[in-house]
N, C-alpha and C. Protein backbone atom coordinates (compact mmCIF):
# COMPACT_ATOMS: atom_id res chain seq x y z
N MET A 1 3.61 -3.44 15.65
CA MET A 1 2.87 -2.95 14.53
C MET A 1 3.31 -3.67 13.25
N VAL A 2 4.59 -3.91 13.12
CA VAL A 2 5.09 -4.64 11.96
C VAL A 2 4.49 -6.04 11.93
N LEU A 3 4.36 -6.66 13.11
CA LEU A 3 3.76 -7.99 13.17
C LEU A 3 2.33 -7.97 12.68
N ALA A 4 1.59 -6.92 13.00
CA ALA A 4 0.20 -6.82 12.55
C ALA A 4 0.15 -6.71 11.03
N LEU A 5 1.06 -5.93 10.45
CA LEU A 5 1.11 -5.80 9.00
C LEU A 5 1.47 -7.13 8.37
N VAL A 6 2.43 -7.82 8.94
CA VAL A 6 2.83 -9.13 8.42
C VAL A 6 1.65 -10.10 8.52
N ALA A 7 0.93 -10.08 9.64
CA ALA A 7 -0.23 -10.96 9.81
C ALA A 7 -1.31 -10.63 8.79
N ALA A 8 -1.56 -9.33 8.58
CA ALA A 8 -2.57 -8.92 7.60
C ALA A 8 -2.17 -9.36 6.21
N ALA A 9 -0.92 -9.14 5.86
CA ALA A 9 -0.44 -9.55 4.55
C ALA A 9 -0.51 -11.06 4.41
N GLY A 10 -0.20 -11.78 5.49
CA GLY A 10 -0.25 -13.24 5.45
C GLY A 10 -1.64 -13.74 5.13
N LEU A 11 -2.65 -13.16 5.77
CA LEU A 11 -4.03 -13.56 5.48
C LEU A 11 -4.40 -13.22 4.04
N TYR A 12 -3.97 -12.06 3.61
CA TYR A 12 -4.27 -11.61 2.25
C TYR A 12 -3.64 -12.55 1.23
N PHE A 13 -2.38 -12.88 1.44
CA PHE A 13 -1.66 -13.67 0.45
C PHE A 13 -1.84 -15.16 0.62
N ALA A 14 -2.46 -15.59 1.71
CA ALA A 14 -2.71 -17.01 1.92
C ALA A 14 -3.92 -17.48 1.11
N GLY A 15 -4.54 -16.54 0.39
CA GLY A 15 -5.65 -16.93 -0.46
C GLY A 15 -7.01 -16.74 0.18
N ARG A 16 -7.06 -16.14 1.37
CA ARG A 16 -8.36 -15.93 2.01
C ARG A 16 -9.16 -14.89 1.25
N ILE A 17 -8.49 -14.10 0.42
CA ILE A 17 -9.18 -13.12 -0.41
C ILE A 17 -8.80 -13.46 -1.85
N ARG A 18 -9.42 -14.48 -2.38
CA ARG A 18 -9.02 -15.02 -3.68
C ARG A 18 -9.41 -14.14 -4.85
N GLU A 19 -10.43 -13.32 -4.69
CA GLU A 19 -10.89 -12.52 -5.80
C GLU A 19 -10.05 -11.28 -6.02
N ALA A 20 -9.03 -11.04 -5.21
CA ALA A 20 -8.19 -9.86 -5.37
C ALA A 20 -7.44 -9.94 -6.69
N PRO A 21 -7.38 -8.82 -7.43
CA PRO A 21 -6.70 -8.84 -8.71
C PRO A 21 -5.20 -9.06 -8.54
N VAL A 22 -4.64 -9.75 -9.50
CA VAL A 22 -3.20 -9.98 -9.52
C VAL A 22 -2.66 -9.28 -10.75
N PRO A 23 -1.56 -8.54 -10.65
CA PRO A 23 -1.02 -7.85 -11.81
C PRO A 23 -0.74 -8.84 -12.95
N SER A 24 -0.78 -8.32 -14.16
CA SER A 24 -0.56 -9.17 -15.32
C SER A 24 0.84 -9.76 -15.32
N ALA A 25 0.97 -10.89 -15.99
CA ALA A 25 2.26 -11.57 -16.05
C ALA A 25 3.29 -10.71 -16.76
N ALA A 26 2.85 -9.77 -17.59
CA ALA A 26 3.79 -8.93 -18.33
C ALA A 26 4.65 -8.09 -17.40
N VAL A 27 4.14 -7.72 -16.25
CA VAL A 27 4.92 -6.89 -15.33
C VAL A 27 5.35 -7.64 -14.09
N GLN A 28 4.96 -8.89 -13.97
CA GLN A 28 5.30 -9.65 -12.78
C GLN A 28 6.68 -10.28 -12.93
N PRO A 29 7.60 -10.05 -11.98
CA PRO A 29 8.92 -10.64 -12.08
C PRO A 29 8.85 -12.15 -11.97
N SER A 30 9.85 -12.81 -12.56
CA SER A 30 9.87 -14.27 -12.48
C SER A 30 10.09 -14.72 -11.05
N ALA A 31 9.61 -15.91 -10.73
CA ALA A 31 9.68 -16.42 -9.36
C ALA A 31 11.11 -16.54 -8.88
N GLY A 32 12.05 -16.81 -9.77
CA GLY A 32 13.43 -17.01 -9.35
C GLY A 32 14.27 -15.75 -9.37
N ALA A 33 13.69 -14.61 -9.77
CA ALA A 33 14.48 -13.39 -9.87
C ALA A 33 14.96 -12.96 -8.49
N PRO A 34 16.20 -12.51 -8.39
CA PRO A 34 16.70 -12.06 -7.09
C PRO A 34 15.98 -10.80 -6.64
N ARG A 35 15.80 -10.67 -5.35
CA ARG A 35 15.13 -9.51 -4.79
C ARG A 35 16.19 -8.58 -4.22
N PRO A 36 16.25 -7.32 -4.72
CA PRO A 36 17.23 -6.39 -4.18
C PRO A 36 17.01 -6.17 -2.69
N SER A 37 18.06 -5.86 -2.00
CA SER A 37 17.99 -5.57 -0.57
C SER A 37 17.07 -4.39 -0.34
N ALA A 38 16.21 -4.51 0.65
CA ALA A 38 15.26 -3.44 0.94
C ALA A 38 15.97 -2.20 1.44
N GLY A 39 16.88 -2.34 2.37
CA GLY A 39 17.62 -1.19 2.90
C GLY A 39 16.70 -0.20 3.58
N PRO A 40 17.21 0.99 3.87
CA PRO A 40 16.40 2.01 4.53
C PRO A 40 15.35 2.57 3.57
N ALA A 41 14.34 3.21 4.14
CA ALA A 41 13.29 3.82 3.33
C ALA A 41 13.92 4.82 2.37
N ARG A 42 13.45 4.80 1.13
CA ARG A 42 14.02 5.66 0.11
C ARG A 42 13.04 6.75 -0.26
N ARG A 43 13.54 7.91 -0.56
CA ARG A 43 12.74 9.05 -1.01
C ARG A 43 12.63 8.99 -2.53
N PRO A 44 11.55 9.58 -3.09
CA PRO A 44 11.38 9.56 -4.55
C PRO A 44 12.50 10.29 -5.27
N ALA A 45 12.84 9.80 -6.47
CA ALA A 45 13.80 10.49 -7.32
C ALA A 45 13.14 11.74 -7.87
N ALA A 46 13.93 12.77 -8.10
CA ALA A 46 13.40 14.02 -8.63
C ALA A 46 12.71 13.76 -9.96
N GLY A 47 11.50 14.26 -10.12
CA GLY A 47 10.77 14.15 -11.36
C GLY A 47 10.01 12.84 -11.55
N GLU A 48 10.16 11.88 -10.67
CA GLU A 48 9.46 10.61 -10.80
C GLU A 48 8.14 10.69 -10.04
N SER A 49 7.04 10.36 -10.72
CA SER A 49 5.74 10.39 -10.05
C SER A 49 5.64 9.26 -9.04
N GLY A 50 4.75 9.42 -8.09
CA GLY A 50 4.54 8.37 -7.10
C GLY A 50 4.06 7.08 -7.74
N GLU A 51 3.19 7.20 -8.74
CA GLU A 51 2.71 6.01 -9.43
C GLU A 51 3.86 5.30 -10.15
N ALA A 52 4.69 6.06 -10.84
CA ALA A 52 5.84 5.46 -11.55
C ALA A 52 6.78 4.79 -10.56
N ARG A 53 6.94 5.39 -9.40
CA ARG A 53 7.82 4.82 -8.37
C ARG A 53 7.26 3.49 -7.87
N ILE A 54 5.95 3.41 -7.68
CA ILE A 54 5.32 2.17 -7.23
C ILE A 54 5.49 1.07 -8.28
N VAL A 55 5.22 1.40 -9.54
CA VAL A 55 5.34 0.41 -10.61
C VAL A 55 6.79 -0.07 -10.72
N ARG A 56 7.74 0.86 -10.66
CA ARG A 56 9.15 0.49 -10.73
C ARG A 56 9.53 -0.39 -9.54
N ALA A 57 9.06 -0.03 -8.35
CA ALA A 57 9.36 -0.83 -7.15
C ALA A 57 8.80 -2.24 -7.29
N PHE A 58 7.60 -2.35 -7.85
CA PHE A 58 7.03 -3.68 -8.06
C PHE A 58 7.88 -4.48 -9.05
N GLU A 59 8.20 -3.88 -10.18
CA GLU A 59 8.97 -4.58 -11.21
C GLU A 59 10.35 -5.00 -10.71
N GLN A 60 10.95 -4.18 -9.84
CA GLN A 60 12.30 -4.47 -9.34
C GLN A 60 12.29 -5.14 -7.97
N ARG A 61 11.10 -5.47 -7.48
CA ARG A 61 10.94 -6.13 -6.18
C ARG A 61 11.57 -5.32 -5.04
N LEU A 62 11.32 -4.04 -5.03
CA LEU A 62 11.86 -3.16 -4.00
C LEU A 62 10.84 -2.94 -2.90
N SER A 63 11.32 -2.78 -1.68
CA SER A 63 10.47 -2.45 -0.53
C SER A 63 11.03 -1.20 0.13
N ASN A 64 10.35 -0.76 1.18
CA ASN A 64 10.76 0.43 1.93
C ASN A 64 10.82 1.66 1.04
N GLN A 65 9.87 1.78 0.13
CA GLN A 65 9.82 2.90 -0.81
C GLN A 65 8.76 3.89 -0.33
N TRP A 66 9.19 5.06 0.07
CA TRP A 66 8.27 6.09 0.51
C TRP A 66 7.62 6.71 -0.72
N VAL A 67 6.28 6.69 -0.80
CA VAL A 67 5.57 7.14 -1.99
C VAL A 67 4.40 8.06 -1.64
N GLU A 68 4.06 8.89 -2.59
CA GLU A 68 2.87 9.73 -2.52
C GLU A 68 2.21 9.63 -3.89
N ALA A 69 0.97 9.18 -3.92
CA ALA A 69 0.30 8.94 -5.19
C ALA A 69 -1.21 8.99 -4.98
N GLU A 70 -1.93 8.64 -6.02
CA GLU A 70 -3.39 8.57 -5.92
C GLU A 70 -3.88 7.34 -6.65
N GLY A 71 -5.09 6.94 -6.31
CA GLY A 71 -5.69 5.80 -6.97
C GLY A 71 -7.19 5.80 -6.76
N VAL A 72 -7.84 4.86 -7.40
CA VAL A 72 -9.28 4.70 -7.30
C VAL A 72 -9.56 3.40 -6.55
N VAL A 73 -10.47 3.48 -5.59
CA VAL A 73 -10.80 2.30 -4.78
C VAL A 73 -11.43 1.24 -5.68
N GLU A 74 -10.80 0.09 -5.73
CA GLU A 74 -11.29 -1.02 -6.54
C GLU A 74 -12.10 -2.01 -5.70
N ARG A 75 -11.68 -2.23 -4.48
CA ARG A 75 -12.38 -3.18 -3.60
C ARG A 75 -12.11 -2.80 -2.15
N ILE A 76 -13.14 -2.90 -1.33
CA ILE A 76 -12.99 -2.68 0.10
C ILE A 76 -12.95 -4.06 0.76
N LEU A 77 -11.92 -4.30 1.53
CA LEU A 77 -11.70 -5.59 2.17
C LEU A 77 -12.08 -5.52 3.64
N PRO A 78 -12.32 -6.65 4.28
CA PRO A 78 -12.60 -6.63 5.72
C PRO A 78 -11.39 -6.10 6.49
N ASP A 79 -11.68 -5.46 7.61
CA ASP A 79 -10.60 -4.98 8.48
C ASP A 79 -9.78 -6.16 8.98
N ASP A 80 -8.50 -5.91 9.15
CA ASP A 80 -7.63 -6.85 9.84
C ASP A 80 -7.76 -6.50 11.32
N ARG A 81 -8.19 -7.43 12.13
CA ARG A 81 -8.40 -7.17 13.56
C ARG A 81 -7.42 -7.94 14.43
N GLN A 82 -6.41 -8.57 13.83
CA GLN A 82 -5.39 -9.28 14.61
C GLN A 82 -4.25 -8.31 14.90
N GLY A 83 -3.92 -8.15 16.17
CA GLY A 83 -2.89 -7.17 16.54
C GLY A 83 -3.44 -5.78 16.34
N SER A 84 -2.62 -4.88 15.81
CA SER A 84 -3.11 -3.54 15.48
C SER A 84 -4.16 -3.66 14.39
N ARG A 85 -5.23 -2.91 14.54
CA ARG A 85 -6.33 -2.99 13.57
C ARG A 85 -6.00 -2.17 12.32
N HIS A 86 -6.32 -2.73 11.16
CA HIS A 86 -6.05 -2.05 9.90
C HIS A 86 -7.29 -2.06 9.01
N GLN A 87 -7.63 -0.89 8.47
CA GLN A 87 -8.63 -0.77 7.43
C GLN A 87 -7.91 -1.13 6.12
N ARG A 88 -8.52 -1.99 5.32
CA ARG A 88 -7.83 -2.46 4.12
C ARG A 88 -8.69 -2.25 2.88
N PHE A 89 -8.05 -1.82 1.82
CA PHE A 89 -8.74 -1.67 0.54
C PHE A 89 -7.73 -1.73 -0.59
N LEU A 90 -8.22 -2.11 -1.76
CA LEU A 90 -7.38 -2.17 -2.95
C LEU A 90 -7.57 -0.91 -3.77
N LEU A 91 -6.46 -0.35 -4.22
CA LEU A 91 -6.48 0.83 -5.09
C LEU A 91 -5.93 0.45 -6.45
N ARG A 92 -6.56 0.98 -7.49
CA ARG A 92 -6.03 0.86 -8.84
C ARG A 92 -5.42 2.22 -9.20
N LEU A 93 -4.16 2.20 -9.62
CA LEU A 93 -3.48 3.43 -10.00
C LEU A 93 -3.95 3.83 -11.40
N PRO A 94 -4.23 5.13 -11.62
CA PRO A 94 -4.95 5.54 -12.82
C PRO A 94 -4.21 5.35 -14.15
N SER A 95 -2.94 5.65 -14.23
CA SER A 95 -2.24 5.58 -15.51
C SER A 95 -1.80 4.16 -15.88
N SER A 96 -1.28 3.44 -14.91
CA SER A 96 -0.72 2.11 -15.17
C SER A 96 -1.73 0.98 -15.01
N GLY A 97 -2.78 1.20 -14.22
CA GLY A 97 -3.73 0.14 -13.92
C GLY A 97 -3.23 -0.82 -12.85
N HIS A 98 -2.04 -0.56 -12.31
CA HIS A 98 -1.45 -1.39 -11.26
C HIS A 98 -2.32 -1.30 -10.00
N THR A 99 -2.45 -2.41 -9.26
CA THR A 99 -3.21 -2.39 -8.02
C THR A 99 -2.30 -2.60 -6.82
N VAL A 100 -2.64 -1.94 -5.73
CA VAL A 100 -1.92 -2.08 -4.46
C VAL A 100 -2.93 -2.23 -3.34
N LEU A 101 -2.52 -2.95 -2.30
CA LEU A 101 -3.31 -3.06 -1.09
C LEU A 101 -2.91 -1.92 -0.17
N VAL A 102 -3.89 -1.18 0.34
CA VAL A 102 -3.62 -0.17 1.36
C VAL A 102 -4.02 -0.78 2.70
N SER A 103 -3.10 -0.75 3.66
CA SER A 103 -3.34 -1.26 5.00
C SER A 103 -3.16 -0.08 5.96
N HIS A 104 -4.27 0.54 6.34
CA HIS A 104 -4.30 1.80 7.10
C HIS A 104 -4.57 1.50 8.58
N ASN A 105 -3.61 1.80 9.43
CA ASN A 105 -3.69 1.49 10.86
C ASN A 105 -4.73 2.37 11.54
N ILE A 106 -5.85 1.77 11.94
CA ILE A 106 -6.93 2.53 12.56
C ILE A 106 -6.82 2.55 14.09
N ASP A 107 -5.72 2.01 14.62
CA ASP A 107 -5.41 2.23 16.03
C ASP A 107 -4.62 3.52 16.19
N LEU A 108 -3.97 3.98 15.12
CA LEU A 108 -3.15 5.19 15.17
C LEU A 108 -3.76 6.36 14.41
N SER A 109 -4.69 6.10 13.54
CA SER A 109 -5.30 7.13 12.70
C SER A 109 -6.79 6.81 12.56
N PRO A 110 -7.62 7.83 12.38
CA PRO A 110 -9.04 7.54 12.21
C PRO A 110 -9.31 6.72 10.94
N ARG A 111 -10.36 5.93 11.00
CA ARG A 111 -10.83 5.18 9.83
C ARG A 111 -11.22 6.18 8.74
N VAL A 112 -10.95 5.83 7.49
CA VAL A 112 -11.40 6.66 6.37
C VAL A 112 -12.90 6.43 6.24
N ARG A 113 -13.67 7.45 6.58
CA ARG A 113 -15.14 7.33 6.63
C ARG A 113 -15.76 7.43 5.25
N GLY A 114 -16.78 6.62 5.03
CA GLY A 114 -17.56 6.71 3.81
C GLY A 114 -16.84 6.23 2.56
N LEU A 115 -15.77 5.50 2.72
CA LEU A 115 -14.99 5.02 1.58
C LEU A 115 -15.82 4.03 0.77
N GLN A 116 -15.88 4.26 -0.55
CA GLN A 116 -16.66 3.39 -1.42
C GLN A 116 -15.87 3.04 -2.68
N VAL A 117 -16.23 1.93 -3.28
CA VAL A 117 -15.63 1.55 -4.56
C VAL A 117 -15.86 2.69 -5.55
N GLY A 118 -14.80 3.05 -6.27
CA GLY A 118 -14.88 4.14 -7.25
C GLY A 118 -14.38 5.47 -6.72
N ASP A 119 -14.21 5.60 -5.40
CA ASP A 119 -13.72 6.85 -4.82
C ASP A 119 -12.25 7.07 -5.15
N ARG A 120 -11.88 8.33 -5.33
CA ARG A 120 -10.49 8.72 -5.54
C ARG A 120 -9.85 8.95 -4.18
N VAL A 121 -8.64 8.43 -3.99
CA VAL A 121 -7.90 8.57 -2.74
C VAL A 121 -6.48 9.01 -3.08
N VAL A 122 -5.98 9.98 -2.33
CA VAL A 122 -4.58 10.39 -2.43
C VAL A 122 -3.92 9.90 -1.15
N PHE A 123 -2.69 9.41 -1.25
CA PHE A 123 -2.05 8.84 -0.07
C PHE A 123 -0.56 9.11 -0.05
N ARG A 124 -0.02 9.02 1.15
CA ARG A 124 1.42 9.04 1.37
C ARG A 124 1.70 7.91 2.35
N GLY A 125 2.64 7.05 2.01
CA GLY A 125 2.98 5.93 2.87
C GLY A 125 4.18 5.18 2.34
N GLU A 126 4.42 4.03 2.92
CA GLU A 126 5.58 3.23 2.54
C GLU A 126 5.13 2.01 1.75
N TYR A 127 5.76 1.80 0.59
CA TYR A 127 5.44 0.67 -0.27
C TYR A 127 6.31 -0.52 0.11
N GLU A 128 5.66 -1.68 0.24
CA GLU A 128 6.36 -2.95 0.49
C GLU A 128 5.99 -3.90 -0.64
N TRP A 129 6.99 -4.50 -1.26
CA TRP A 129 6.78 -5.39 -2.40
C TRP A 129 6.14 -6.70 -1.97
N ASN A 130 5.29 -7.24 -2.82
CA ASN A 130 4.83 -8.63 -2.74
C ASN A 130 4.36 -9.03 -4.14
N THR A 131 4.07 -10.29 -4.32
CA THR A 131 3.72 -10.80 -5.65
C THR A 131 2.39 -10.31 -6.17
N ARG A 132 1.57 -9.74 -5.31
CA ARG A 132 0.23 -9.31 -5.73
C ARG A 132 0.14 -7.84 -6.08
N GLY A 133 1.24 -7.14 -6.09
CA GLY A 133 1.21 -5.73 -6.45
C GLY A 133 1.78 -4.82 -5.39
N GLY A 134 1.88 -5.31 -4.17
CA GLY A 134 2.47 -4.53 -3.09
C GLY A 134 1.46 -4.03 -2.08
N VAL A 135 2.00 -3.56 -0.97
CA VAL A 135 1.20 -3.04 0.13
C VAL A 135 1.69 -1.63 0.45
N ILE A 136 0.75 -0.73 0.68
CA ILE A 136 1.07 0.60 1.18
C ILE A 136 0.68 0.61 2.65
N HIS A 137 1.64 0.94 3.51
CA HIS A 137 1.36 1.06 4.94
C HIS A 137 2.02 2.33 5.45
N TRP A 138 2.01 2.54 6.74
CA TRP A 138 2.48 3.80 7.34
C TRP A 138 1.72 4.99 6.77
N THR A 139 0.41 4.85 6.61
CA THR A 139 -0.45 5.94 6.15
C THR A 139 -0.99 6.71 7.35
N HIS A 140 -0.13 6.91 8.32
CA HIS A 140 -0.49 7.58 9.57
C HIS A 140 0.76 8.25 10.12
N ARG A 141 0.57 9.05 11.13
CA ARG A 141 1.71 9.68 11.81
C ARG A 141 2.47 8.62 12.58
N ASP A 142 3.74 8.90 12.85
CA ASP A 142 4.54 7.99 13.67
C ASP A 142 4.42 8.47 15.11
N PRO A 143 3.79 7.68 15.99
CA PRO A 143 3.62 8.13 17.37
C PRO A 143 4.95 8.36 18.09
N ALA A 144 6.02 7.70 17.65
CA ALA A 144 7.33 7.89 18.26
C ALA A 144 8.07 9.08 17.65
N GLY A 145 7.57 9.60 16.54
CA GLY A 145 8.20 10.74 15.90
C GLY A 145 9.54 10.43 15.25
N LYS A 146 9.81 9.16 14.96
CA LYS A 146 11.10 8.77 14.39
C LYS A 146 11.07 8.62 12.87
N ARG A 147 9.89 8.50 12.29
CA ARG A 147 9.75 8.29 10.85
C ARG A 147 8.88 9.39 10.27
N PRO A 148 9.00 9.60 8.98
CA PRO A 148 8.08 10.57 8.35
C PRO A 148 6.65 10.06 8.48
N GLY A 149 5.73 10.95 8.58
CA GLY A 149 4.34 10.55 8.69
C GLY A 149 3.70 10.34 7.34
N GLY A 150 2.70 9.49 7.32
CA GLY A 150 1.91 9.27 6.12
C GLY A 150 0.50 9.76 6.34
N TRP A 151 -0.33 9.65 5.33
CA TRP A 151 -1.71 10.09 5.42
C TRP A 151 -2.52 9.55 4.25
N ILE A 152 -3.82 9.69 4.37
CA ILE A 152 -4.75 9.38 3.28
C ILE A 152 -5.70 10.57 3.17
N GLU A 153 -5.93 11.04 1.95
CA GLU A 153 -6.91 12.10 1.70
C GLU A 153 -8.07 11.51 0.92
N HIS A 154 -9.27 11.79 1.43
CA HIS A 154 -10.49 11.28 0.81
C HIS A 154 -11.57 12.33 0.97
N LYS A 155 -12.12 12.78 -0.14
CA LYS A 155 -13.22 13.76 -0.14
C LYS A 155 -12.90 14.98 0.71
N GLY A 156 -11.69 15.52 0.54
CA GLY A 156 -11.30 16.75 1.20
C GLY A 156 -10.84 16.62 2.63
N ARG A 157 -10.81 15.42 3.16
CA ARG A 157 -10.36 15.23 4.55
C ARG A 157 -9.07 14.42 4.57
N ARG A 158 -8.14 14.85 5.40
CA ARG A 158 -6.87 14.13 5.55
C ARG A 158 -6.91 13.31 6.83
N TYR A 159 -6.59 12.02 6.70
CA TYR A 159 -6.53 11.08 7.82
C TYR A 159 -5.06 10.77 8.08
N SER A 160 -4.57 11.18 9.26
CA SER A 160 -3.17 10.90 9.59
C SER A 160 -3.06 10.58 11.06
């Protein structure tokens, strides 16, 4: 499953989706900045919103950040069909304007039905850093039961 996510991210970042928004240079770390060790998945700090956690993780180049937040669908991308299948879409976070790619495994969880640009989505998943704003994955239950489960809520329905 990790390979499928890596493959999906590779296609995304290889420029096959050139029109995807890139965060402004004001919040983008310099190319030579050291990247902190990802380490184990981290839980949110008390009082920190999910959106603030995502923005901080992006600025500090952190990965393995367990987050719960909401956003508005900015663009619906083609499914990744290599390896595990993933429904993909870009979300814009409401307060910061930061964008993230959501890669939702549709081999483990139902597809989010009727998703359209402009729809509000609430999600729980794991944030992985990249230069384009980051990826949210693990938006599904863990079939092995070893990790916390994620989900996506859209129009009153929870997909996990």
